[in-house]
Amino acid sequence: MGFVSDYKKCLFQFLIYIITAQKKYYKKTTLQDADVQLELLRLFNDLSYDMRFIDEKRYQLISERLNEIGRLLGGWIKSQKETSTTNGK
């Protein structure tokens, strides 16, 4: 498989984790999997820039968006941890 194909698979897998977490009652493991996938997306973005597939402007734009997604995901994970501690889980 090629680099772009792997990058797309990583992105789609991230989306699958997010959709799955929305539908599950117990979300913690799925959200952790999504967090790992997000790190892989960051790595793909870095490699894309390093290999000159994208320019600096696009790299920065994607990085900013991935960071924002990371903040949102981190908040979601934190809220699930708080929920599980208040429910005695």
PDB file of N, CA and C in Angstrom:
ATOM      1  N   MET A   1       0.829  -1.191   0.000  1.00  0.00           N
ATOM      2  CA  MET A   1       0.000   0.000   0.000  1.00  0.00           C
ATOM      3  C   MET A   1       0.863   1.240   0.000  1.00  0.00           C
ATOM      4  N   GLY A   2       0.329   2.293  -0.556  1.00  0.00           N
ATOM      5  CA  GLY A   2       1.059   3.547  -0.613  1.00  0.00           C
ATOM      6  C   GLY A   2       0.807   4.405   0.605  1.00  0.00           C
ATOM      7  N   PHE A   3       1.616   5.428   0.731  1.00  0.00           N
ATOM      8  CA  PHE A   3       1.543   6.337   1.872  1.00  0.00           C
ATOM      9  C   PHE A   3       0.167   6.988   1.992  1.00  0.00           C
ATOM     10  N   VAL A   4      -0.335   7.517   0.894  1.00  0.00           N
ATOM     11  CA  VAL A   4      -1.631   8.212   0.923  1.00  0.00           C
ATOM     12  C   VAL A   4      -2.748   7.251   1.306  1.00  0.00           C
ATOM     13  N   SER A   5      -2.686   6.052   0.798  1.00  0.00           N
ATOM     14  CA  SER A   5      -3.684   5.044   1.136  1.00  0.00           C
ATOM     15  C   SER A   5      -3.656   4.723   2.639  1.00  0.00           C
ATOM     16  N   ASP A   6      -2.459   4.593   3.190  1.00  0.00           N
ATOM     17  CA  ASP A   6      -2.324   4.326   4.631  1.00  0.00           C
ATOM     18  C   ASP A   6      -2.850   5.506   5.454  1.00  0.00           C
ATOM     19  N   TYR A   7      -2.564   6.713   4.993  1.00  0.00           N
ATOM     20  CA  TYR A   7      -3.028   7.929   5.663  1.00  0.00           C
ATOM     21  C   TYR A   7      -4.561   7.962   5.682  1.00  0.00           C
ATOM     22  N   LYS A   8      -5.165   7.667   4.554  1.00  0.00           N
ATOM     23  CA  LYS A   8      -6.631   7.644   4.473  1.00  0.00           C
ATOM     24  C   LYS A   8      -7.221   6.572   5.381  1.00  0.00           C
ATOM     25  N   LYS A   9      -6.608   5.393   5.395  1.00  0.00           N
ATOM     26  CA  LYS A   9      -7.097   4.320   6.270  1.00  0.00           C
ATOM     27  C   LYS A   9      -7.039   4.750   7.725  1.00  0.00           C
ATOM     28  N   CYS A  10      -5.979   5.442   8.102  1.00  0.00           N
ATOM     29  CA  CYS A  10      -5.819   5.932   9.461  1.00  0.00           C
ATOM     30  C   CYS A  10      -6.929   6.936   9.799  1.00  0.00           C
ATOM     31  N   LEU A  11      -7.201   7.836   8.877  1.00  0.00           N
ATOM     32  CA  LEU A  11      -8.252   8.827   9.087  1.00  0.00           C
ATOM     33  C   LEU A  11      -9.622   8.159   9.224  1.00  0.00           C
ATOM     34  N   PHE A  12      -9.910   7.210   8.344  1.00  0.00           N
ATOM     35  CA  PHE A  12     -11.201   6.529   8.416  1.00  0.00           C
ATOM     36  C   PHE A  12     -11.326   5.704   9.693  1.00  0.00           C
ATOM     37  N   GLN A  13     -10.237   5.094  10.134  1.00  0.00           N
ATOM     38  CA  GLN A  13     -10.282   4.332  11.378  1.00  0.00           C
ATOM     39  C   GLN A  13     -10.552   5.260  12.565  1.00  0.00           C
ATOM     40  N   PHE A  14      -9.956   6.459  12.535  1.00  0.00           N
ATOM     41  CA  PHE A  14     -10.228   7.446  13.581  1.00  0.00           C
ATOM     42  C   PHE A  14     -11.717   7.795  13.605  1.00  0.00           C
ATOM     43  N   LEU A  15     -12.287   8.026  12.427  1.00  0.00           N
ATOM     44  CA  LEU A  15     -13.714   8.353  12.355  1.00  0.00           C
ATOM     45  C   LEU A  15     -14.580   7.201  12.866  1.00  0.00           C
ATOM     46  N   ILE A  16     -14.176   5.980  12.566  1.00  0.00           N
ATOM     47  CA  ILE A  16     -14.914   4.807  13.057  1.00  0.00           C
ATOM     48  C   ILE A  16     -14.895   4.773  14.577  1.00  0.00           C
ATOM     49  N   TYR A  17     -13.732   5.038  15.184  1.00  0.00           N
ATOM     50  CA  TYR A  17     -13.652   5.055  16.648  1.00  0.00           C
ATOM     51  C   TYR A  17     -14.559   6.129  17.244  1.00  0.00           C
ATOM     52  N   ILE A  18     -14.583   7.306  16.627  1.00  0.00           N
ATOM     53  CA  ILE A  18     -15.419   8.395  17.147  1.00  0.00           C
ATOM     54  C   ILE A  18     -16.901   8.032  17.043  1.00  0.00           C
ATOM     55  N   ILE A  19     -17.310   7.519  15.908  1.00  0.00           N
ATOM     56  CA  ILE A  19     -18.719   7.127  15.728  1.00  0.00           C
ATOM     57  C   ILE A  19     -19.074   6.003  16.693  1.00  0.00           C
ATOM     58  N   THR A  20     -18.192   5.035  16.844  1.00  0.00           N
ATOM     59  CA  THR A  20     -18.429   3.915  17.758  1.00  0.00           C
ATOM     60  C   THR A  20     -18.559   4.413  19.190  1.00  0.00           C
ATOM     61  N   ALA A  21     -17.687   5.341  19.589  1.00  0.00           N
ATOM     62  CA  ALA A  21     -17.747   5.876  20.960  1.00  0.00           C
ATOM     63  C   ALA A  21     -19.063   6.603  21.208  1.00  0.00           C
ATOM     64  N   GLN A  22     -19.568   7.301  20.191  1.00  0.00           N
ATOM     65  CA  GLN A  22     -20.846   7.993  20.346  1.00  0.00           C
ATOM     66  C   GLN A  22     -21.977   7.012  20.639  1.00  0.00           C
ATOM     67  N   LYS A  23     -21.899   5.827  20.081  1.00  0.00           N
ATOM     68  CA  LYS A  23     -22.987   4.860  20.184  1.00  0.00           C
ATOM     69  C   LYS A  23     -22.870   3.932  21.390  1.00  0.00           C
ATOM     70  N   LYS A  24     -21.682   3.828  21.978  1.00  0.00           N
ATOM     71  CA  LYS A  24     -21.464   2.894  23.084  1.00  0.00           C
ATOM     72  C   LYS A  24     -21.843   3.511  24.419  1.00  0.00           C
ATOM     73  N   TYR A  25     -22.255   2.646  25.338  1.00  0.00           N
ATOM     74  CA  TYR A  25     -22.509   3.097  26.708  1.00  0.00           C
ATOM     75  C   TYR A  25     -21.185   3.273  27.435  1.00  0.00           C
ATOM     76  N   TYR A  26     -20.302   2.279  27.339  1.00  0.00           N
ATOM     77  CA  TYR A  26     -18.957   2.375  27.918  1.00  0.00           C
ATOM     78  C   TYR A  26     -18.006   2.813  26.814  1.00  0.00           C
ATOM     79  N   LYS A  27     -17.479   4.009  26.935  1.00  0.00           N
ATOM     80  CA  LYS A  27     -16.742   4.641  25.849  1.00  0.00           C
ATOM     81  C   LYS A  27     -15.234   4.668  26.053  1.00  0.00           C
ATOM     82  N   LYS A  28     -14.776   4.423  27.266  1.00  0.00           N
ATOM     83  CA  LYS A  28     -13.386   4.681  27.636  1.00  0.00           C
ATOM     84  C   LYS A  28     -12.372   4.025  26.700  1.00  0.00           C
ATOM     85  N   THR A  29     -12.491   2.734  26.465  1.00  0.00           N
ATOM     86  CA  THR A  29     -11.515   2.022  25.634  1.00  0.00           C
ATOM     87  C   THR A  29     -11.540   2.531  24.198  1.00  0.00           C
ATOM     88  N   THR A  30     -12.727   2.758  23.669  1.00  0.00           N
ATOM     89  CA  THR A  30     -12.853   3.240  22.292  1.00  0.00           C
ATOM     90  C   THR A  30     -12.255   4.635  22.158  1.00  0.00           C
ATOM     91  N   LEU A  31     -12.458   5.485  23.163  1.00  0.00           N
ATOM     92  CA  LEU A  31     -11.878   6.824  23.121  1.00  0.00           C
ATOM     93  C   LEU A  31     -10.346   6.768  23.215  1.00  0.00           C
ATOM     94  N   GLN A  32      -9.842   5.838  24.006  1.00  0.00           N
ATOM     95  CA  GLN A  32      -8.387   5.669  24.083  1.00  0.00           C
ATOM     96  C   GLN A  32      -7.831   5.199  22.734  1.00  0.00           C
ATOM     97  N   ASP A  33      -8.557   4.306  22.078  1.00  0.00           N
ATOM     98  CA  ASP A  33      -8.152   3.862  20.736  1.00  0.00           C
ATOM     99  C   ASP A  33      -8.160   5.036  19.757  1.00  0.00           C
ATOM    100  N   ALA A  34      -9.172   5.895  19.858  1.00  0.00           N
ATOM    101  CA  ALA A  34      -9.249   7.076  18.999  1.00  0.00           C
ATOM    102  C   ALA A  34      -8.063   8.008  19.264  1.00  0.00           C
ATOM    103  N   ASP A  35      -7.676   8.116  20.534  1.00  0.00           N
ATOM    104  CA  ASP A  35      -6.544   8.968  20.901  1.00  0.00           C
ATOM    105  C   ASP A  35      -5.245   8.448  20.272  1.00  0.00           C
ATOM    106  N   VAL A  36      -5.061   7.146  20.280  1.00  0.00           N
ATOM    107  CA  VAL A  36      -3.887   6.544  19.636  1.00  0.00           C
ATOM    108  C   VAL A  36      -3.926   6.827  18.129  1.00  0.00           C
ATOM    109  N   GLN A  37      -5.094   6.666  17.538  1.00  0.00           N
ATOM    110  CA  GLN A  37      -5.241   6.903  16.100  1.00  0.00           C
ATOM    111  C   GLN A  37      -4.943   8.366  15.764  1.00  0.00           C
ATOM    112  N   LEU A  38      -5.348   9.271  16.646  1.00  0.00           N
ATOM    113  CA  LEU A  38      -5.067  10.691  16.432  1.00  0.00           C
ATOM    114  C   LEU A  38      -3.558  10.941  16.430  1.00  0.00           C
ATOM    115  N   GLU A  39      -2.839  10.263  17.307  1.00  0.00           N
ATOM    116  CA  GLU A  39      -1.376  10.399  17.306  1.00  0.00           C
ATOM    117  C   GLU A  39      -0.782   9.903  15.988  1.00  0.00           C
ATOM    118  N   LEU A  40      -1.348   8.833  15.459  1.00  0.00           N
ATOM    119  CA  LEU A  40      -0.889   8.341  14.159  1.00  0.00           C
ATOM    120  C   LEU A  40      -1.170   9.363  13.058  1.00  0.00           C
ATOM    121  N   LEU A  41      -2.316  10.027  13.126  1.00  0.00           N
ATOM    122  CA  LEU A  41      -2.628  11.066  12.145  1.00  0.00           C
ATOM    123  C   LEU A  41      -1.619  12.212  12.236  1.00  0.00           C
ATOM    124  N   ARG A  42      -1.228  12.556  13.458  1.00  0.00           N
ATOM    125  CA  ARG A  42      -0.205  13.595  13.628  1.00  0.00           C
ATOM    126  C   ARG A  42       1.114  13.153  13.000  1.00  0.00           C
ATOM    127  N   LEU A  43       1.450  11.891  13.198  1.00  0.00           N
ATOM    128  CA  LEU A  43       2.676  11.350  12.607  1.00  0.00           C
ATOM    129  C   LEU A  43       2.610  11.399  11.079  1.00  0.00           C
ATOM    130  N   PHE A  44       1.479  10.994  10.519  1.00  0.00           N
ATOM    131  CA  PHE A  44       1.312  11.055   9.065  1.00  0.00           C
ATOM    132  C   PHE A  44       1.445  12.496   8.559  1.00  0.00           C
ATOM    133  N   ASN A  45       0.903  13.449   9.300  1.00  0.00           N
ATOM    134  CA  ASN A  45       1.019  14.845   8.902  1.00  0.00           C
ATOM    135  C   ASN A  45       2.483  15.282   8.915  1.00  0.00           C
ATOM    136  N   ASP A  46       3.202  14.915   9.973  1.00  0.00           N
ATOM    137  CA  ASP A  46       4.631  15.252  10.053  1.00  0.00           C
ATOM    138  C   ASP A  46       5.408  14.633   8.894  1.00  0.00           C
ATOM    139  N   LEU A  47       5.137  13.366   8.629  1.00  0.00           N
ATOM    140  CA  LEU A  47       5.839  12.689   7.534  1.00  0.00           C
ATOM    141  C   LEU A  47       5.496  13.307   6.183  1.00  0.00           C
ATOM    142  N   SER A  48       4.235  13.694   6.009  1.00  0.00           N
ATOM    143  CA  SER A  48       3.824  14.334   4.756  1.00  0.00           C
ATOM    144  C   SER A  48       4.626  15.603   4.504  1.00  0.00           C
ATOM    145  N   TYR A  49       4.836  16.355   5.578  1.00  0.00           N
ATOM    146  CA  TYR A  49       5.622  17.585   5.446  1.00  0.00           C
ATOM    147  C   TYR A  49       7.099  17.270   5.214  1.00  0.00           C
ATOM    148  N   ASP A  50       7.625  16.338   6.002  1.00  0.00           N
ATOM    149  CA  ASP A  50       9.044  15.971   5.873  1.00  0.00           C
ATOM    150  C   ASP A  50       9.375  15.440   4.484  1.00  0.00           C
ATOM    151  N   MET A  51       8.439  14.706   3.887  1.00  0.00           N
ATOM    152  CA  MET A  51       8.673  14.144   2.559  1.00  0.00           C
ATOM    153  C   MET A  51       8.245  15.096   1.441  1.00  0.00           C
ATOM    154  N   ARG A  52       7.876  16.320   1.840  1.00  0.00           N
ATOM    155  CA  ARG A  52       7.498  17.381   0.912  1.00  0.00           C
ATOM    156  C   ARG A  52       6.246  17.061   0.085  1.00  0.00           C
ATOM    157  N   PHE A  53       5.339  16.290   0.669  1.00  0.00           N
ATOM    158  CA  PHE A  53       4.057  16.041   0.010  1.00  0.00           C
ATOM    159  C   PHE A  53       3.117  17.231   0.191  1.00  0.00           C
ATOM    160  N   ILE A  54       3.327  17.959   1.291  1.00  0.00           N
ATOM    161  CA  ILE A  54       2.521  19.146   1.570  1.00  0.00           C
ATOM    162  C   ILE A  54       3.458  20.303   1.918  1.00  0.00           C
ATOM    163  N   ASP A  55       2.977  21.524   1.683  1.00  0.00           N
ATOM    164  CA  ASP A  55       3.795  22.694   2.016  1.00  0.00           C
ATOM    165  C   ASP A  55       3.581  23.095   3.476  1.00  0.00           C
ATOM    166  N   GLU A  56       4.352  24.073   3.917  1.00  0.00           N
ATOM    167  CA  GLU A  56       4.318  24.475   5.331  1.00  0.00           C
ATOM    168  C   GLU A  56       2.956  25.020   5.749  1.00  0.00           C
ATOM    169  N   LYS A  57       2.327  25.770   4.872  1.00  0.00           N
ATOM    170  CA  LYS A  57       1.010  26.355   5.192  1.00  0.00           C
ATOM    171  C   LYS A  57      -0.024  25.252   5.447  1.00  0.00           C
ATOM    172  N   ARG A  58      -0.063  24.260   4.577  1.00  0.00           N
ATOM    173  CA  ARG A  58      -1.009  23.158   4.738  1.00  0.00           C
ATOM    174  C   ARG A  58      -0.665  22.336   5.982  1.00  0.00           C
ATOM    175  N   TYR A  59       0.628  22.120   6.205  1.00  0.00           N
ATOM    176  CA  TYR A  59       1.083  21.392   7.391  1.00  0.00           C
ATOM    177  C   TYR A  59       0.587  22.079   8.664  1.00  0.00           C
ATOM    178  N   GLN A  60       0.759  23.403   8.736  1.00  0.00           N
ATOM    179  CA  GLN A  60       0.328  24.148   9.911  1.00  0.00           C
ATOM    180  C   GLN A  60      -1.184  24.100  10.084  1.00  0.00           C
ATOM    181  N   LEU A  61      -1.912  24.218   9.001  1.00  0.00           N
ATOM    182  CA  LEU A  61      -3.369  24.165   9.060  1.00  0.00           C
ATOM    183  C   LEU A  61      -3.843  22.809   9.585  1.00  0.00           C
ATOM    184  N   ILE A  62      -3.283  21.742   9.031  1.00  0.00           N
ATOM    185  CA  ILE A  62      -3.667  20.393   9.486  1.00  0.00           C
ATOM    186  C   ILE A  62      -3.259  20.195  10.942  1.00  0.00           C
ATOM    187  N   SER A  63      -2.079  20.660  11.316  1.00  0.00           N
ATOM    188  CA  SER A  63      -1.609  20.529  12.700  1.00  0.00           C
ATOM    189  C   SER A  63      -2.550  21.236  13.670  1.00  0.00           C
ATOM    190  N   GLU A  64      -2.976  22.451  13.309  1.00  0.00           N
ATOM    191  CA  GLU A  64      -3.908  23.200  14.156  1.00  0.00           C
ATOM    192  C   GLU A  64      -5.223  22.448  14.319  1.00  0.00           C
ATOM    193  N   ARG A  65      -5.716  21.894  13.239  1.00  0.00           N
ATOM    194  CA  ARG A  65      -6.988  21.155  13.310  1.00  0.00           C
ATOM    195  C   ARG A  65      -6.843  19.878  14.123  1.00  0.00           C
ATOM    196  N   LEU A  66      -5.729  19.170  13.953  1.00  0.00           N
ATOM    197  CA  LEU A  66      -5.498  17.955  14.743  1.00  0.00           C
ATOM    198  C   LEU A  66      -5.354  18.297  16.217  1.00  0.00           C
ATOM    199  N   ASN A  67      -4.721  19.424  16.521  1.00  0.00           N
ATOM    200  CA  ASN A  67      -4.596  19.854  17.923  1.00  0.00           C
ATOM    201  C   ASN A  67      -5.958  20.181  18.526  1.00  0.00           C
ATOM    202  N   GLU A  68      -6.799  20.840  17.752  1.00  0.00           N
ATOM    203  CA  GLU A  68      -8.153  21.152  18.238  1.00  0.00           C
ATOM    204  C   GLU A  68      -8.947  19.868  18.470  1.00  0.00           C
ATOM    205  N   ILE A  69      -8.853  18.931  17.543  1.00  0.00           N
ATOM    206  CA  ILE A  69      -9.520  17.636  17.718  1.00  0.00           C
ATOM    207  C   ILE A  69      -8.977  16.951  18.962  1.00  0.00           C
ATOM    208  N   GLY A  70      -7.671  17.055  19.189  1.00  0.00           N
ATOM    209  CA  GLY A  70      -7.054  16.473  20.375  1.00  0.00           C
ATOM    210  C   GLY A  70      -7.593  17.082  21.663  1.00  0.00           C
ATOM    211  N   ARG A  71      -7.795  18.390  21.675  1.00  0.00           N
ATOM    212  CA  ARG A  71      -8.365  19.042  22.860  1.00  0.00           C
ATOM    213  C   ARG A  71      -9.801  18.565  23.112  1.00  0.00           C
ATOM    214  N   LEU A  72     -10.576  18.478  22.036  1.00  0.00           N
ATOM    215  CA  LEU A  72     -11.958  17.997  22.172  1.00  0.00           C
ATOM    216  C   LEU A  72     -11.992  16.547  22.664  1.00  0.00           C
ATOM    217  N   LEU A  73     -11.159  15.714  22.065  1.00  0.00           N
ATOM    218  CA  LEU A  73     -11.107  14.315  22.451  1.00  0.00           C
ATOM    219  C   LEU A  73     -10.620  14.170  23.893  1.00  0.00           C
ATOM    220  N   GLY A  74      -9.609  14.949  24.268  1.00  0.00           N
ATOM    221  CA  GLY A  74      -9.116  14.920  25.646  1.00  0.00           C
ATOM    222  C   GLY A  74     -10.197  15.308  26.637  1.00  0.00           C
ATOM    223  N   GLY A  75     -10.996  16.310  26.306  1.00  0.00           N
ATOM    224  CA  GLY A  75     -12.111  16.704  27.172  1.00  0.00           C
ATOM    225  C   GLY A  75     -13.143  15.601  27.289  1.00  0.00           C
ATOM    226  N   TRP A  76     -13.413  14.925  26.196  1.00  0.00           N
ATOM    227  CA  TRP A  76     -14.382  13.823  26.190  1.00  0.00           C
ATOM    228  C   TRP A  76     -13.872  12.679  27.066  1.00  0.00           C
ATOM    229  N   ILE A  77     -12.586  12.359  26.923  1.00  0.00           N
ATOM    230  CA  ILE A  77     -11.990  11.293  27.735  1.00  0.00           C
ATOM    231  C   ILE A  77     -12.045  11.674  29.214  1.00  0.00           C
ATOM    232  N   LYS A  78     -11.715  12.923  29.512  1.00  0.00           N
ATOM    233  CA  LYS A  78     -11.749  13.392  30.908  1.00  0.00           C
ATOM    234  C   LYS A  78     -13.160  13.302  31.482  1.00  0.00           C
ATOM    235  N   SER A  79     -14.150  13.678  30.676  1.00  0.00           N
ATOM    236  CA  SER A  79     -15.534  13.621  31.167  1.00  0.00           C
ATOM    237  C   SER A  79     -15.966  12.177  31.423  1.00  0.00           C
ATOM    238  N   GLN A  80     -15.476  11.242  30.622  1.00  0.00           N
ATOM    239  CA  GLN A  80     -15.804   9.833  30.832  1.00  0.00           C
ATOM    240  C   GLN A  80     -15.146   9.296  32.103  1.00  0.00           C
ATOM    241  N   LYS A  81     -13.916   9.760  32.383  1.00  0.00           N
ATOM    242  CA  LYS A  81     -13.239   9.348  33.615  1.00  0.00           C
ATOM    243  C   LYS A  81     -13.969   9.874  34.825  1.00  0.00           C
ATOM    244  N   GLU A  82     -14.438  11.125  34.744  1.00  0.00           N
ATOM    245  CA  GLU A  82     -15.191  11.722  35.851  1.00  0.00           C
ATOM    246  C   GLU A  82     -16.506  10.986  36.052  1.00  0.00           C
ATOM    247  N   THR A  83     -17.166  10.626  34.970  1.00  0.00           N
ATOM    248  CA  THR A  83     -18.427   9.902  35.047  1.00  0.00           C
ATOM    249  C   THR A  83     -18.230   8.544  35.685  1.00  0.00           C
ATOM    250  N   SER A  84     -17.142   7.859  35.297  1.00  0.00           N
ATOM    251  CA  SER A  84     -16.912   6.513  35.836  1.00  0.00           C
ATOM    252  C   SER A  84     -16.535   6.564  37.308  1.00  0.00           C
ATOM    253  N   THR A  85     -15.882   7.638  37.771  1.00  0.00           N
ATOM    254  CA  THR A  85     -15.538   7.719  39.197  1.00  0.00           C
ATOM    255  C   THR A  85     -16.749   8.084  40.034  1.00  0.00           C
ATOM    256  N   THR A  86     -17.684   8.859  39.488  1.00  0.00           N
ATOM    257  CA  THR A  86     -18.885   9.203  40.240  1.00  0.00           C
ATOM    258  C   THR A  86     -19.882   8.045  40.275  1.00  0.00           C
ATOM    259  N   ASN A  87     -19.791   7.149  39.297  1.00  0.00           N
ATOM    260  CA  ASN A  87     -20.664   5.986  39.265  1.00  0.00           C
ATOM    261  C   ASN A  87     -20.048   4.778  39.953  1.00  0.00           C
ATOM    262  N   GLY A  88     -18.845   4.929  40.494  1.00  0.00           N
ATOM    263  CA  GLY A  88     -18.201   3.827  41.186  1.00  0.00           C
ATOM    264  C   GLY A  88     -17.593   2.803  40.264  1.00  0.00           C
ATOM    265  N   LYS A  89     -17.300   3.156  39.037  1.00  0.00           N
ATOM    266  CA  LYS A  89     -16.724   2.209  38.065  1.00  0.00           C
ATOM    267  C   LYS A  89     -15.219   2.278  38.122  1.00  0.00           C
TER     268      LYS A  89
END
